[in-house]
Structure formats: structure tokens, C-alpha cells
N, C-alpha and C. Protein backbone atom coordinates (compact mmCIF):
# COMPACT_ATOMS: atom_id res chain seq x y z
N MET A 1 64.52 141.30 74.66
CA MET A 1 65.16 140.46 73.64
C MET A 1 64.24 140.31 72.49
N GLY A 2 64.90 140.49 71.29
CA GLY A 2 64.06 140.27 70.03
C GLY A 2 64.35 138.98 69.48
N HIS A 3 63.41 138.43 68.71
CA HIS A 3 63.58 137.14 68.11
C HIS A 3 63.85 137.45 66.51
N SER A 4 64.76 136.59 65.86
CA SER A 4 65.02 136.85 64.55
C SER A 4 63.90 136.12 63.77
N ARG A 5 63.93 136.20 62.52
CA ARG A 5 62.80 135.70 61.54
C ARG A 5 62.99 134.37 61.64
N SER A 6 64.29 133.62 61.42
CA SER A 6 64.41 132.26 61.54
C SER A 6 63.86 131.64 62.77
N ASP A 7 64.00 132.22 63.98
CA ASP A 7 63.56 131.61 65.12
C ASP A 7 61.89 131.56 65.30
N THR A 8 61.51 132.57 64.64
CA THR A 8 59.97 132.63 64.46
C THR A 8 59.37 131.61 63.68
N VAL A 9 60.11 131.45 62.53
CA VAL A 9 59.74 130.47 61.56
C VAL A 9 59.92 129.05 62.08
N GLU A 10 61.03 128.85 62.76
CA GLU A 10 61.46 127.37 63.45
C GLU A 10 60.29 127.24 64.53
N MET A 11 59.90 128.28 65.26
CA MET A 11 58.97 127.94 66.34
C MET A 11 57.39 127.73 65.90
N THR A 12 57.28 128.38 64.77
CA THR A 12 55.95 128.21 64.14
C THR A 12 55.94 126.71 63.49
N ALA A 13 56.96 126.23 62.97
CA ALA A 13 56.94 124.87 62.43
C ALA A 13 56.76 124.03 63.64
N ILE A 14 57.41 124.04 64.60
CA ILE A 14 57.29 123.36 65.83
C ILE A 14 55.75 123.13 66.18
N PHE A 15 55.21 124.38 66.40
CA PHE A 15 53.86 124.54 66.92
C PHE A 15 52.84 124.06 66.02
N THR A 16 53.12 123.95 64.65
CA THR A 16 52.17 123.56 63.63
C THR A 16 52.30 122.20 63.15
N SER A 17 53.48 121.53 63.68
CA SER A 17 53.75 120.10 63.09
C SER A 17 52.55 119.16 63.77
N PRO A 18 52.39 118.15 63.14
CA PRO A 18 51.26 117.18 63.67
C PRO A 18 51.77 116.80 65.16
N ALA A 19 50.61 116.69 65.82
CA ALA A 19 50.81 116.23 67.27
C ALA A 19 51.22 114.71 67.31
N ARG A 20 52.03 114.48 68.23
CA ARG A 20 52.32 112.99 68.41
C ARG A 20 51.50 112.43 69.20
N THR A 21 51.24 111.06 69.01
CA THR A 21 50.09 110.27 69.81
C THR A 21 50.96 109.88 71.08
N SER A 22 50.32 110.15 72.31
CA SER A 22 50.75 109.78 73.54
C SER A 22 51.04 108.28 73.59
N SER A 23 52.17 107.78 74.30
CA SER A 23 52.37 106.44 74.50
C SER A 23 51.26 105.83 75.41
N LEU A 24 50.48 106.56 76.09
CA LEU A 24 49.46 106.06 76.92
C LEU A 24 48.17 105.67 76.22
N ALA A 25 47.97 106.20 74.80
CA ALA A 25 46.92 105.98 74.30
C ALA A 25 46.76 104.55 73.72
N ALA A 26 45.60 103.96 73.54
CA ALA A 26 45.23 102.67 73.17
C ALA A 26 45.96 102.66 71.76
N PRO A 27 46.63 101.50 71.47
CA PRO A 27 47.03 101.35 70.05
C PRO A 27 45.91 101.01 68.90
N SER A 28 45.97 101.67 67.70
CA SER A 28 45.04 101.33 66.86
C SER A 28 45.62 101.52 65.44
N ALA A 29 45.02 101.24 64.49
CA ALA A 29 45.48 101.29 63.18
C ALA A 29 45.42 102.79 62.85
N ASP A 30 44.58 103.66 63.45
CA ASP A 30 44.57 105.08 63.19
C ASP A 30 45.83 105.64 63.65
N ALA A 31 46.24 105.32 64.99
CA ALA A 31 47.38 105.90 65.53
C ALA A 31 48.66 105.55 64.54
N ARG A 32 48.71 104.27 64.18
CA ARG A 32 49.65 103.94 63.34
C ARG A 32 49.82 104.77 62.14
N GLU A 33 48.62 104.99 61.38
CA GLU A 33 48.67 105.65 60.23
C GLU A 33 48.93 107.21 60.49
N GLN A 34 48.64 107.74 61.59
CA GLN A 34 49.09 109.06 61.93
C GLN A 34 50.73 109.14 62.14
N PHE A 35 51.24 108.09 62.92
CA PHE A 35 52.63 108.05 62.75
C PHE A 35 53.39 108.09 61.34
N ILE A 36 52.75 107.13 60.53
CA ILE A 36 53.28 107.18 59.32
C ILE A 36 53.26 108.67 58.43
N VAL A 37 52.00 109.05 58.60
CA VAL A 37 52.07 110.65 57.96
C VAL A 37 52.95 111.48 58.57
N SER A 38 53.24 111.47 59.77
CA SER A 38 54.09 112.32 60.48
C SER A 38 55.54 112.03 60.04
N ILE A 39 55.93 110.64 59.94
CA ILE A 39 57.31 110.21 59.63
C ILE A 39 57.60 110.81 58.15
N ARG A 40 56.62 110.59 57.40
CA ARG A 40 56.74 111.00 56.08
C ARG A 40 57.05 112.49 55.83
N ALA A 41 56.14 113.28 56.54
CA ALA A 41 56.38 114.74 56.58
C ALA A 41 57.75 115.17 57.13
N ASP A 42 58.23 114.55 58.15
CA ASP A 42 59.57 114.85 58.72
C ASP A 42 60.61 114.62 57.78
N GLU A 43 60.49 113.39 56.98
CA GLU A 43 61.47 112.88 55.97
C GLU A 43 61.35 114.08 54.94
N ALA A 44 60.22 114.52 54.45
CA ALA A 44 60.21 115.38 53.36
C ALA A 44 60.87 116.73 53.96
N ARG A 45 60.65 117.05 55.12
CA ARG A 45 61.07 118.39 55.49
C ARG A 45 62.59 118.39 55.76
N ALA A 46 63.24 117.17 56.08
CA ALA A 46 64.61 116.89 56.20
C ALA A 46 65.23 117.11 54.86
N ARG A 47 64.55 116.37 53.74
CA ARG A 47 65.08 116.60 52.42
C ARG A 47 65.18 117.92 52.09
N LEU A 48 64.00 118.68 52.16
CA LEU A 48 64.00 120.05 51.80
C LEU A 48 65.14 120.91 52.45
N ALA A 49 65.21 120.61 53.68
CA ALA A 49 66.30 121.46 54.47
C ALA A 49 67.59 121.22 53.89
N ALA A 50 67.92 119.91 53.67
CA ALA A 50 69.14 119.60 53.19
C ALA A 50 69.52 120.02 51.78
N GLU A 51 68.48 120.06 50.94
CA GLU A 51 68.73 120.71 49.64
C GLU A 51 68.95 122.18 49.80
N GLN A 52 68.49 122.71 50.67
CA GLN A 52 68.59 124.24 50.88
C GLN A 52 69.90 124.68 51.65
N GLY A 53 70.67 123.49 52.12
CA GLY A 53 71.95 123.61 52.74
C GLY A 53 71.71 123.81 54.33
N ASP A 54 70.63 123.73 54.75
CA ASP A 54 70.40 123.78 56.23
C ASP A 54 70.51 122.38 56.90
N LEU A 55 71.75 122.00 57.06
CA LEU A 55 71.95 120.61 57.62
C LEU A 55 71.58 120.52 59.04
N PRO A 56 71.88 121.63 59.89
CA PRO A 56 71.31 121.27 61.31
C PRO A 56 69.70 121.11 61.20
N GLN A 57 69.06 121.81 60.59
CA GLN A 57 67.61 121.66 60.53
C GLN A 57 67.16 120.37 59.93
N ALA A 58 68.07 119.79 59.04
CA ALA A 58 67.66 118.64 58.26
C ALA A 58 67.86 117.53 59.34
N ALA A 59 69.00 117.67 60.13
CA ALA A 59 69.33 116.64 61.17
C ALA A 59 68.10 116.57 62.17
N ARG A 60 67.57 117.59 62.52
CA ARG A 60 66.40 117.89 63.44
C ARG A 60 65.37 117.06 63.10
N PHE A 61 65.03 117.24 61.81
CA PHE A 61 63.98 116.48 61.18
C PHE A 61 64.23 114.92 61.06
N ILE A 62 65.37 114.69 60.78
CA ILE A 62 65.70 113.12 60.73
C ILE A 62 65.43 112.63 61.87
N ILE A 63 66.04 113.30 63.11
CA ILE A 63 65.87 112.54 64.32
C ILE A 63 64.36 112.62 64.74
N ALA A 64 63.49 113.67 64.34
CA ALA A 64 62.12 113.48 64.51
C ALA A 64 61.48 112.33 63.89
N ALA A 65 61.83 112.12 62.66
CA ALA A 65 61.29 110.87 61.93
C ALA A 65 61.78 109.50 62.64
N LEU A 66 63.05 109.55 63.13
CA LEU A 66 63.37 108.28 63.73
C LEU A 66 62.64 108.28 65.07
N ASP A 67 62.44 109.22 65.64
CA ASP A 67 61.61 109.17 66.88
C ASP A 67 60.24 108.55 66.62
N GLY A 68 59.70 109.17 65.75
CA GLY A 68 58.36 108.60 65.19
C GLY A 68 58.23 107.29 64.74
N GLU A 69 59.43 106.76 64.16
CA GLU A 69 59.34 105.26 63.84
C GLU A 69 59.44 104.44 65.21
N ARG A 70 60.34 104.94 66.20
CA ARG A 70 60.37 104.17 67.42
C ARG A 70 59.14 104.36 68.12
N ARG A 71 58.42 105.31 68.15
CA ARG A 71 57.00 105.59 68.78
C ARG A 71 56.17 104.35 68.02
N MET A 72 56.11 104.50 66.89
CA MET A 72 55.19 103.68 65.93
C MET A 72 55.43 102.16 66.28
N ALA A 73 56.69 101.66 66.37
CA ALA A 73 57.04 100.36 66.75
C ALA A 73 56.49 100.02 68.13
N ALA A 74 56.28 100.93 68.98
CA ALA A 74 55.70 100.59 70.35
C ALA A 74 54.13 100.64 70.28
N THR A 75 53.56 101.00 69.38
CA THR A 75 52.00 101.09 69.36
C THR A 75 51.36 99.75 69.07
N GLY A 76 51.98 98.73 68.73
CA GLY A 76 51.44 97.35 68.47
C GLY A 76 51.14 96.69 69.79
N PRO A 77 50.73 95.59 69.75
CA PRO A 77 50.33 94.79 70.96
C PRO A 77 51.72 94.39 71.73
N GLN A 78 51.67 94.54 73.03
CA GLN A 78 53.00 94.32 73.82
C GLN A 78 52.73 93.10 74.46
N VAL A 79 53.73 92.19 74.25
CA VAL A 79 53.61 90.88 74.70
C VAL A 79 54.79 90.68 75.73
N LEU A 80 54.50 90.15 76.95
CA LEU A 80 55.48 89.77 77.86
C LEU A 80 55.71 88.32 77.87
N GLN A 81 56.66 87.83 77.46
CA GLN A 81 56.93 86.42 77.65
C GLN A 81 57.81 86.05 78.86
N LEU A 82 57.13 84.93 79.51
CA LEU A 82 57.75 84.58 80.66
C LEU A 82 58.38 83.18 80.33
N ILE A 83 59.49 82.96 80.53
CA ILE A 83 60.23 81.52 80.35
C ILE A 83 60.23 80.94 81.77
N LYS A 84 59.44 79.67 81.80
CA LYS A 84 59.63 78.95 82.99
C LYS A 84 60.62 77.90 82.87
N PRO A 85 61.63 77.99 83.89
CA PRO A 85 62.61 76.83 83.66
C PRO A 85 62.03 75.57 84.21
N ARG A 86 62.52 74.59 83.30
CA ARG A 86 61.95 73.12 83.54
C ARG A 86 62.80 72.61 84.58
N GLY A 87 62.15 71.73 85.40
CA GLY A 87 62.75 70.99 86.50
C GLY A 87 62.53 71.52 87.86
């Protein structure tokens, strides 16, 4: 089975995109900055794909940016609040 040029370009884009930080990594300002860079890159790619009329690809980049935002929100300190009932 052969692959089309578009398949090769898409696979290349996936393998060369910035690596996402593992959720097990210790939260740091550097990790947060990496997420911001990745999110901005995904947003720029989505805009470019939309301008070129490739709406499915634009949607994939938008979803990747939203996933990056979700992951970035989870990198801060996690606080578990326990509410102790009175009485």
C-alpha cells in the first residue's frame, strides 16, 4: 500500500511537532512556557490551514491547542480541599 503525499506531510507534522510534557512531570514555569509555545504554534497552524481551506486539519490543530490548554491548567499546584462538617 502506498501513501499519498498529504499522508506523508501530515505524519511528518505529527512527528516533528513539539513534544507534550507528561502529566507525571513536576510542574514548573519551564513546563508552562513549553505549553504556551505549543498552544500558540497549534493556533497558528490552525489559522493557516483554515485560510488554505483545509477545515478538517484546522479543526485537528484547534483540538490540539485546547488539549494543550487543558494540560497546562493541570501543571500548577494541585490542592485537595477537605471540608470537615461541624458538629
